[in-house]
N, C-alpha and C. Protein backbone atom coordinates (compact mmCIF):
# COMPACT_ATOMS: atom_id res chain seq x y z
N MET A 1 117.88 121.62 111.56
CA MET A 1 118.96 121.01 112.30
C MET A 1 119.28 119.64 111.71
N PRO A 2 120.47 119.42 111.20
CA PRO A 2 120.81 118.12 110.60
C PRO A 2 120.90 117.03 111.68
N PHE A 3 120.67 115.81 111.27
CA PHE A 3 120.78 114.69 112.18
C PHE A 3 121.34 113.50 111.42
N ARG A 4 122.00 112.61 112.13
CA ARG A 4 122.59 111.42 111.52
C ARG A 4 121.56 110.32 111.44
N VAL A 5 121.49 109.70 110.27
CA VAL A 5 120.59 108.58 110.05
C VAL A 5 121.37 107.45 109.43
N SER A 6 121.20 106.25 109.94
CA SER A 6 121.79 105.08 109.31
C SER A 6 120.65 104.18 108.85
N ILE A 7 120.89 103.46 107.76
CA ILE A 7 119.90 102.52 107.22
C ILE A 7 120.58 101.15 107.18
N SER A 8 119.95 100.16 107.78
CA SER A 8 120.51 98.81 107.78
C SER A 8 119.38 97.80 108.01
N PRO A 9 119.68 96.51 107.79
CA PRO A 9 118.66 95.49 108.08
C PRO A 9 118.26 95.53 109.55
N HIS A 10 117.05 95.08 109.82
CA HIS A 10 116.54 95.11 111.20
C HIS A 10 117.37 94.22 112.10
N ARG A 11 117.32 94.56 113.37
CA ARG A 11 117.93 93.77 114.43
C ARG A 11 116.84 93.44 115.44
N PRO A 12 116.95 92.34 116.15
CA PRO A 12 115.93 92.02 117.15
C PRO A 12 115.68 93.16 118.14
N SER A 13 116.70 93.93 118.44
CA SER A 13 116.55 95.03 119.39
C SER A 13 115.70 96.19 118.85
N ASP A 14 115.40 96.17 117.55
CA ASP A 14 114.58 97.24 116.95
C ASP A 14 113.10 97.12 117.29
N ARG A 15 112.69 95.96 117.75
CA ARG A 15 111.26 95.69 117.92
C ARG A 15 110.55 96.76 118.75
N ALA A 16 111.13 97.16 119.85
CA ALA A 16 110.49 98.18 120.70
C ALA A 16 110.38 99.51 119.96
N GLY A 17 111.32 99.81 119.10
CA GLY A 17 111.30 101.06 118.35
C GLY A 17 110.20 101.13 117.32
N PHE A 18 109.67 99.99 116.91
CA PHE A 18 108.59 99.98 115.92
C PHE A 18 107.24 100.37 116.52
N ARG A 19 107.16 100.38 117.83
CA ARG A 19 105.89 100.64 118.53
C ARG A 19 105.25 101.96 118.07
N ASP A 20 106.05 103.00 117.86
CA ASP A 20 105.50 104.31 117.48
C ASP A 20 105.41 104.50 115.97
N ILE A 21 105.82 103.51 115.20
CA ILE A 21 105.83 103.66 113.74
C ILE A 21 104.82 102.71 113.10
N LEU A 22 105.01 101.42 113.27
CA LEU A 22 104.11 100.40 112.73
C LEU A 22 104.20 99.18 113.65
N PRO A 23 103.48 99.21 114.78
CA PRO A 23 103.65 98.15 115.78
C PRO A 23 103.35 96.75 115.27
N GLU A 24 102.53 96.62 114.26
CA GLU A 24 102.16 95.28 113.77
C GLU A 24 103.11 94.73 112.71
N ILE A 25 104.25 95.36 112.49
CA ILE A 25 105.17 94.93 111.44
C ILE A 25 105.60 93.47 111.62
N TYR A 26 105.90 93.05 112.84
CA TYR A 26 106.32 91.66 113.04
C TYR A 26 105.18 90.69 112.83
N GLU A 27 103.99 91.05 113.25
CA GLU A 27 102.85 90.16 113.04
C GLU A 27 102.56 90.01 111.55
N GLU A 28 102.71 91.07 110.82
CA GLU A 28 102.39 91.04 109.40
C GLU A 28 103.49 90.41 108.55
N TYR A 29 104.75 90.70 108.87
CA TYR A 29 105.86 90.27 108.02
C TYR A 29 106.89 89.39 108.72
N GLY A 30 106.73 89.14 110.00
CA GLY A 30 107.73 88.40 110.77
C GLY A 30 108.10 87.05 110.18
N GLY A 31 107.13 86.33 109.64
CA GLY A 31 107.40 85.03 109.04
C GLY A 31 108.21 85.10 107.76
N ARG A 32 108.33 86.27 107.20
CA ARG A 32 109.07 86.43 105.94
C ARG A 32 110.44 87.07 106.12
N LEU A 33 110.82 87.38 107.34
CA LEU A 33 112.06 88.13 107.56
C LEU A 33 113.33 87.35 107.22
N ARG A 34 113.28 86.03 107.25
CA ARG A 34 114.47 85.24 106.90
C ARG A 34 114.76 85.28 105.40
N ARG A 35 113.73 85.39 104.59
CA ARG A 35 113.92 85.36 103.14
C ARG A 35 113.87 86.73 102.49
N HIS A 36 113.38 87.73 103.18
CA HIS A 36 113.22 89.06 102.61
C HIS A 36 113.90 90.07 103.51
N LEU A 37 113.63 91.34 103.34
CA LEU A 37 114.43 92.35 104.02
C LEU A 37 113.58 93.44 104.66
N LEU A 38 113.80 93.64 105.94
CA LEU A 38 113.20 94.76 106.66
C LEU A 38 114.32 95.74 106.93
N LEU A 39 114.29 96.88 106.24
CA LEU A 39 115.28 97.92 106.44
C LEU A 39 114.80 98.87 107.52
N VAL A 40 115.73 99.35 108.34
CA VAL A 40 115.39 100.22 109.44
C VAL A 40 116.25 101.48 109.36
N ALA A 41 115.59 102.62 109.53
CA ALA A 41 116.28 103.91 109.64
C ALA A 41 116.42 104.23 111.12
N ARG A 42 117.64 104.59 111.53
CA ARG A 42 117.91 104.88 112.93
C ARG A 42 118.71 106.16 113.08
N THR A 43 118.44 106.88 114.14
CA THR A 43 119.35 107.91 114.61
C THR A 43 120.20 107.21 115.68
N PRO A 44 121.20 107.88 116.23
CA PRO A 44 121.96 107.21 117.30
C PRO A 44 121.10 106.83 118.51
N ARG A 45 119.92 107.43 118.64
CA ARG A 45 119.10 107.18 119.83
C ARG A 45 117.86 106.33 119.62
N ARG A 46 117.36 106.24 118.37
CA ARG A 46 116.07 105.56 118.20
C ARG A 46 115.83 105.12 116.77
N VAL A 47 114.86 104.21 116.63
CA VAL A 47 114.35 103.79 115.33
C VAL A 47 113.40 104.88 114.84
N ILE A 48 113.58 105.33 113.58
CA ILE A 48 112.71 106.40 113.08
C ILE A 48 111.98 106.03 111.79
N GLY A 49 112.29 104.88 111.19
CA GLY A 49 111.59 104.49 109.97
C GLY A 49 111.85 103.05 109.60
N LEU A 50 111.04 102.54 108.67
CA LEU A 50 111.22 101.17 108.21
C LEU A 50 110.68 101.01 106.80
N LEU A 51 111.17 99.97 106.14
CA LEU A 51 110.72 99.61 104.79
C LEU A 51 110.84 98.10 104.67
N PHE A 52 109.79 97.43 104.18
CA PHE A 52 109.84 95.99 103.95
C PHE A 52 109.96 95.73 102.46
N LEU A 53 110.96 94.93 102.08
CA LEU A 53 111.24 94.61 100.68
C LEU A 53 111.19 93.10 100.49
N GLN A 54 110.41 92.68 99.51
CA GLN A 54 110.26 91.25 99.22
C GLN A 54 110.65 91.03 97.77
N TRP A 55 111.39 89.96 97.48
CA TRP A 55 111.76 89.69 96.10
C TRP A 55 111.23 88.34 95.64
N TYR A 56 111.16 88.21 94.33
CA TYR A 56 110.55 87.04 93.69
C TYR A 56 111.43 86.55 92.55
N ASP A 57 111.62 85.23 92.47
CA ASP A 57 112.33 84.59 91.36
C ASP A 57 111.32 83.84 90.50
N GLU A 58 110.43 84.57 89.88
CA GLU A 58 109.38 83.97 89.07
C GLU A 58 108.85 85.03 88.11
N ALA A 59 108.14 84.58 87.11
CA ALA A 59 107.54 85.52 86.17
C ALA A 59 106.55 86.41 86.91
N CYS A 60 106.59 87.66 86.60
CA CYS A 60 105.70 88.63 87.21
C CYS A 60 104.36 88.57 86.47
N TYR A 61 103.29 88.20 87.15
CA TYR A 61 102.01 88.00 86.47
C TYR A 61 101.44 89.27 85.87
N PHE A 62 101.82 90.45 86.35
CA PHE A 62 101.28 91.69 85.80
C PHE A 62 102.28 92.43 84.91
N ASP A 63 103.44 91.81 84.66
CA ASP A 63 104.46 92.40 83.79
C ASP A 63 105.29 91.26 83.23
N SER A 64 104.80 90.63 82.16
CA SER A 64 105.34 89.36 81.67
C SER A 64 106.80 89.39 81.24
N ALA A 65 107.37 90.55 80.94
CA ALA A 65 108.77 90.62 80.53
C ALA A 65 109.72 90.50 81.72
N VAL A 66 109.21 90.58 82.93
CA VAL A 66 110.03 90.58 84.13
C VAL A 66 109.97 89.22 84.81
N THR A 67 111.13 88.63 85.09
CA THR A 67 111.18 87.30 85.70
C THR A 67 111.84 87.31 87.09
N ARG A 68 112.46 88.39 87.46
CA ARG A 68 113.04 88.53 88.82
C ARG A 68 112.76 89.95 89.26
N TYR A 69 112.02 90.09 90.36
CA TYR A 69 111.61 91.43 90.77
C TYR A 69 111.46 91.52 92.27
N ALA A 70 111.28 92.75 92.74
CA ALA A 70 111.07 93.01 94.16
C ALA A 70 109.84 93.88 94.32
N GLU A 71 109.25 93.82 95.50
CA GLU A 71 108.13 94.69 95.84
C GLU A 71 108.41 95.36 97.18
N ILE A 72 108.17 96.66 97.22
CA ILE A 72 108.22 97.39 98.47
C ILE A 72 106.81 97.35 99.04
N HIS A 73 106.68 96.80 100.25
CA HIS A 73 105.35 96.65 100.85
C HIS A 73 105.03 97.70 101.89
N GLU A 74 106.00 98.24 102.56
CA GLU A 74 105.76 99.21 103.63
C GLU A 74 106.87 100.25 103.62
N VAL A 75 106.51 101.50 103.72
CA VAL A 75 107.47 102.57 103.98
C VAL A 75 106.81 103.46 105.04
N HIS A 76 107.42 103.51 106.21
CA HIS A 76 106.84 104.30 107.30
C HIS A 76 107.95 105.05 108.02
N VAL A 77 107.68 106.31 108.33
CA VAL A 77 108.61 107.15 109.07
C VAL A 77 107.87 107.74 110.25
N HIS A 78 108.52 107.76 111.40
CA HIS A 78 107.92 108.35 112.60
C HIS A 78 107.52 109.79 112.28
N PRO A 79 106.35 110.23 112.73
CA PRO A 79 105.86 111.58 112.42
C PRO A 79 106.86 112.70 112.75
N ASP A 80 107.65 112.54 113.79
CA ASP A 80 108.62 113.59 114.15
C ASP A 80 109.76 113.73 113.15
N PHE A 81 109.91 112.77 112.24
CA PHE A 81 111.04 112.78 111.31
C PHE A 81 110.61 112.82 109.84
N ARG A 82 109.34 113.07 109.59
CA ARG A 82 108.86 113.14 108.20
C ARG A 82 109.36 114.42 107.53
N ASN A 83 109.42 114.38 106.20
CA ASN A 83 109.86 115.51 105.38
C ASN A 83 111.31 115.91 105.66
N ARG A 84 112.12 114.91 106.01
CA ARG A 84 113.54 115.17 106.27
C ARG A 84 114.42 114.21 105.49
N GLY A 85 113.85 113.54 104.47
CA GLY A 85 114.63 112.67 103.61
C GLY A 85 114.79 111.24 104.07
N VAL A 86 114.17 110.87 105.17
CA VAL A 86 114.32 109.51 105.70
C VAL A 86 113.71 108.48 104.76
N ALA A 87 112.49 108.71 104.31
CA ALA A 87 111.84 107.77 103.39
C ALA A 87 112.61 107.68 102.08
N THR A 88 113.13 108.78 101.61
CA THR A 88 113.93 108.77 100.38
C THR A 88 115.14 107.87 100.55
N ARG A 89 115.81 107.98 101.67
CA ARG A 89 116.99 107.14 101.92
C ARG A 89 116.62 105.67 102.05
N LEU A 90 115.49 105.38 102.67
CA LEU A 90 115.03 103.98 102.75
C LEU A 90 114.76 103.42 101.36
N VAL A 91 114.07 104.17 100.52
CA VAL A 91 113.75 103.71 99.17
C VAL A 91 115.03 103.54 98.34
N GLU A 92 115.94 104.47 98.44
CA GLU A 92 117.21 104.35 97.70
C GLU A 92 117.98 103.10 98.11
N ARG A 93 118.00 102.82 99.40
CA ARG A 93 118.69 101.61 99.88
C ARG A 93 117.98 100.36 99.37
N ALA A 94 116.65 100.36 99.37
CA ALA A 94 115.90 99.21 98.86
C ALA A 94 116.20 98.99 97.38
N LEU A 95 116.28 100.04 96.61
CA LEU A 95 116.59 99.91 95.18
C LEU A 95 117.99 99.33 94.98
N ARG A 96 118.96 99.76 95.79
CA ARG A 96 120.31 99.17 95.70
C ARG A 96 120.29 97.69 96.05
N GLU A 97 119.53 97.32 97.09
CA GLU A 97 119.44 95.91 97.48
C GLU A 97 118.81 95.07 96.37
N ALA A 98 117.76 95.60 95.75
CA ALA A 98 117.10 94.87 94.67
C ALA A 98 118.07 94.70 93.49
N ALA A 99 118.80 95.74 93.15
CA ALA A 99 119.78 95.64 92.05
C ALA A 99 120.86 94.63 92.40
N ARG A 100 121.34 94.64 93.62
CA ARG A 100 122.37 93.71 94.07
C ARG A 100 121.90 92.26 93.95
N ARG A 101 120.62 92.04 94.12
CA ARG A 101 120.06 90.69 94.03
C ARG A 101 119.63 90.32 92.62
N GLY A 102 119.92 91.19 91.65
CA GLY A 102 119.63 90.88 90.26
C GLY A 102 118.21 91.12 89.81
N CYS A 103 117.46 91.91 90.55
CA CYS A 103 116.08 92.19 90.17
C CYS A 103 116.04 93.08 88.93
N GLN A 104 115.08 92.81 88.07
CA GLN A 104 114.88 93.61 86.85
C GLN A 104 114.00 94.82 87.11
N ALA A 105 113.18 94.76 88.15
CA ALA A 105 112.26 95.86 88.43
C ALA A 105 111.88 95.81 89.91
N VAL A 106 111.42 96.95 90.41
CA VAL A 106 110.86 97.04 91.76
C VAL A 106 109.48 97.66 91.61
N TYR A 107 108.51 97.06 92.26
CA TYR A 107 107.13 97.53 92.22
C TYR A 107 106.69 97.94 93.61
N LEU A 108 105.67 98.76 93.66
CA LEU A 108 105.03 99.13 94.90
C LEU A 108 103.64 99.63 94.58
N MET A 109 102.80 99.68 95.60
CA MET A 109 101.46 100.24 95.43
C MET A 109 101.26 101.32 96.48
N THR A 110 100.50 102.32 96.11
CA THR A 110 100.10 103.35 97.06
C THR A 110 98.70 103.81 96.71
N ASP A 111 98.06 104.44 97.65
CA ASP A 111 96.71 104.93 97.42
C ASP A 111 96.73 106.22 96.61
N ASP A 112 95.68 106.46 95.85
CA ASP A 112 95.63 107.67 95.04
C ASP A 112 95.54 108.94 95.88
N PHE A 113 95.11 108.84 97.14
CA PHE A 113 95.00 110.02 97.98
C PHE A 113 96.29 110.32 98.76
N SER A 114 97.30 109.49 98.61
CA SER A 114 98.55 109.68 99.34
C SER A 114 99.55 110.48 98.49
N ALA A 115 99.33 111.78 98.43
CA ALA A 115 100.15 112.65 97.57
C ALA A 115 101.61 112.65 97.99
N ALA A 116 101.89 112.65 99.28
CA ALA A 116 103.29 112.66 99.73
C ALA A 116 104.01 111.39 99.29
N ALA A 117 103.35 110.25 99.43
CA ALA A 117 103.97 108.99 99.00
C ALA A 117 104.19 108.99 97.49
N ARG A 118 103.22 109.46 96.74
CA ARG A 118 103.38 109.48 95.27
C ARG A 118 104.54 110.39 94.87
N ARG A 119 104.68 111.54 95.53
CA ARG A 119 105.82 112.43 95.23
C ARG A 119 107.15 111.73 95.52
N LEU A 120 107.22 111.05 96.65
CA LEU A 120 108.43 110.31 97.01
C LEU A 120 108.79 109.29 95.95
N TYR A 121 107.82 108.48 95.55
CA TYR A 121 108.10 107.41 94.59
C TYR A 121 108.43 107.97 93.21
N GLU A 122 107.75 109.00 92.79
CA GLU A 122 108.04 109.61 91.48
C GLU A 122 109.43 110.25 91.50
N LYS A 123 109.80 110.88 92.59
CA LYS A 123 111.13 111.47 92.73
C LYS A 123 112.21 110.39 92.65
N ALA A 124 111.89 109.18 93.15
CA ALA A 124 112.83 108.06 93.11
C ALA A 124 112.84 107.34 91.76
N GLY A 125 112.05 107.83 90.79
CA GLY A 125 112.06 107.25 89.45
C GLY A 125 110.95 106.27 89.15
N PHE A 126 110.05 106.04 90.08
CA PHE A 126 108.92 105.15 89.82
C PHE A 126 107.90 105.86 88.93
N ALA A 127 107.22 105.09 88.10
CA ALA A 127 106.15 105.62 87.26
C ALA A 127 104.96 104.68 87.37
N ALA A 128 103.78 105.22 87.19
CA ALA A 128 102.57 104.39 87.23
C ALA A 128 102.72 103.27 86.21
N HIS A 129 102.43 102.06 86.63
CA HIS A 129 102.60 100.90 85.75
C HIS A 129 101.25 100.38 85.27
N ASN A 130 100.37 100.13 86.17
CA ASN A 130 99.02 99.72 85.82
C ASN A 130 98.09 100.24 86.91
N THR A 131 96.84 100.30 86.63
CA THR A 131 95.88 100.88 87.55
C THR A 131 94.90 99.82 88.00
N VAL A 132 94.69 99.76 89.28
CA VAL A 132 93.67 98.89 89.85
C VAL A 132 92.50 99.79 90.24
N ILE A 133 91.34 99.44 89.79
CA ILE A 133 90.16 100.25 90.09
C ILE A 133 89.33 99.51 91.13
N ARG A 134 88.99 100.19 92.20
CA ARG A 134 88.15 99.61 93.23
C ARG A 134 86.72 100.05 92.98
N TYR A 135 85.83 99.08 92.82
CA TYR A 135 84.42 99.36 92.61
C TYR A 135 83.69 99.33 93.94
N LYS A 136 82.61 100.06 94.02
CA LYS A 136 81.80 100.10 95.23
C LYS A 136 80.34 100.05 94.82
N ARG A 137 79.58 99.31 95.59
CA ARG A 137 78.13 99.29 95.41
C ARG A 137 77.52 99.37 96.79
N ALA A 138 76.87 100.45 97.09
CA ALA A 138 76.18 100.59 98.37
C ALA A 138 74.92 99.75 98.35
N ILE A 139 74.64 99.09 99.45
CA ILE A 139 73.45 98.25 99.53
C ILE A 139 72.68 98.56 100.81
N THR A 140 71.44 98.16 100.81
CA THR A 140 70.62 98.30 102.00
C THR A 140 70.76 97.03 102.82
N SER A 141 70.17 97.00 103.98
CA SER A 141 70.24 95.80 104.82
C SER A 141 69.58 94.60 104.16
N SER A 142 68.69 94.84 103.18
CA SER A 142 68.04 93.72 102.49
C SER A 142 68.93 93.18 101.36
N GLY A 143 70.04 93.85 101.10
CA GLY A 143 70.92 93.39 100.03
C GLY A 143 70.65 94.05 98.69
N ARG A 144 69.61 94.87 98.63
CA ARG A 144 69.28 95.54 97.37
C ARG A 144 70.14 96.79 97.21
N PRO A 145 70.45 97.16 95.99
CA PRO A 145 71.19 98.41 95.77
C PRO A 145 70.36 99.59 96.25
N ARG A 146 71.04 100.58 96.77
CA ARG A 146 70.36 101.81 97.18
C ARG A 146 69.80 102.51 95.94
N GLY A 147 68.62 103.10 96.10
CA GLY A 147 68.02 103.87 95.01
C GLY A 147 67.22 103.06 94.02
N ARG A 148 67.20 101.74 94.17
CA ARG A 148 66.40 100.90 93.27
C ARG A 148 65.23 100.32 94.04
N ARG A 149 64.16 100.03 93.32
CA ARG A 149 62.97 99.43 93.96
C ARG A 149 62.71 98.06 93.40
């Protein structure tokens, strides 16, 4: 069943709609909303998704050829509306906004176990840029590595 979705910058009235998607969005990004962009996906009746986009006018420390760029920090869609193109539309709008602001590149990070997110980003033209490896060392309560004496 098709449904109408609009994508636009957040409005103060959206706050209640974030409760079922990412309730801590204002606590995490509220201080940055004047300088950056929180995009919201809506049906005529409710908020169904969000994306936070931040841009930078400085050399990118992990990609030295880029001096103006954006980062997508959050993409979330309400569970009832997943796999219906909402996240794709949010990402497409973010890419247009970044291009409009003169960004040379858009970056994002996702976990290696998030196959759906990786498919979304690859479909939108993103490619792996660099890899961050997380190391782990299990220890005992004494601080010694497990398995060593």
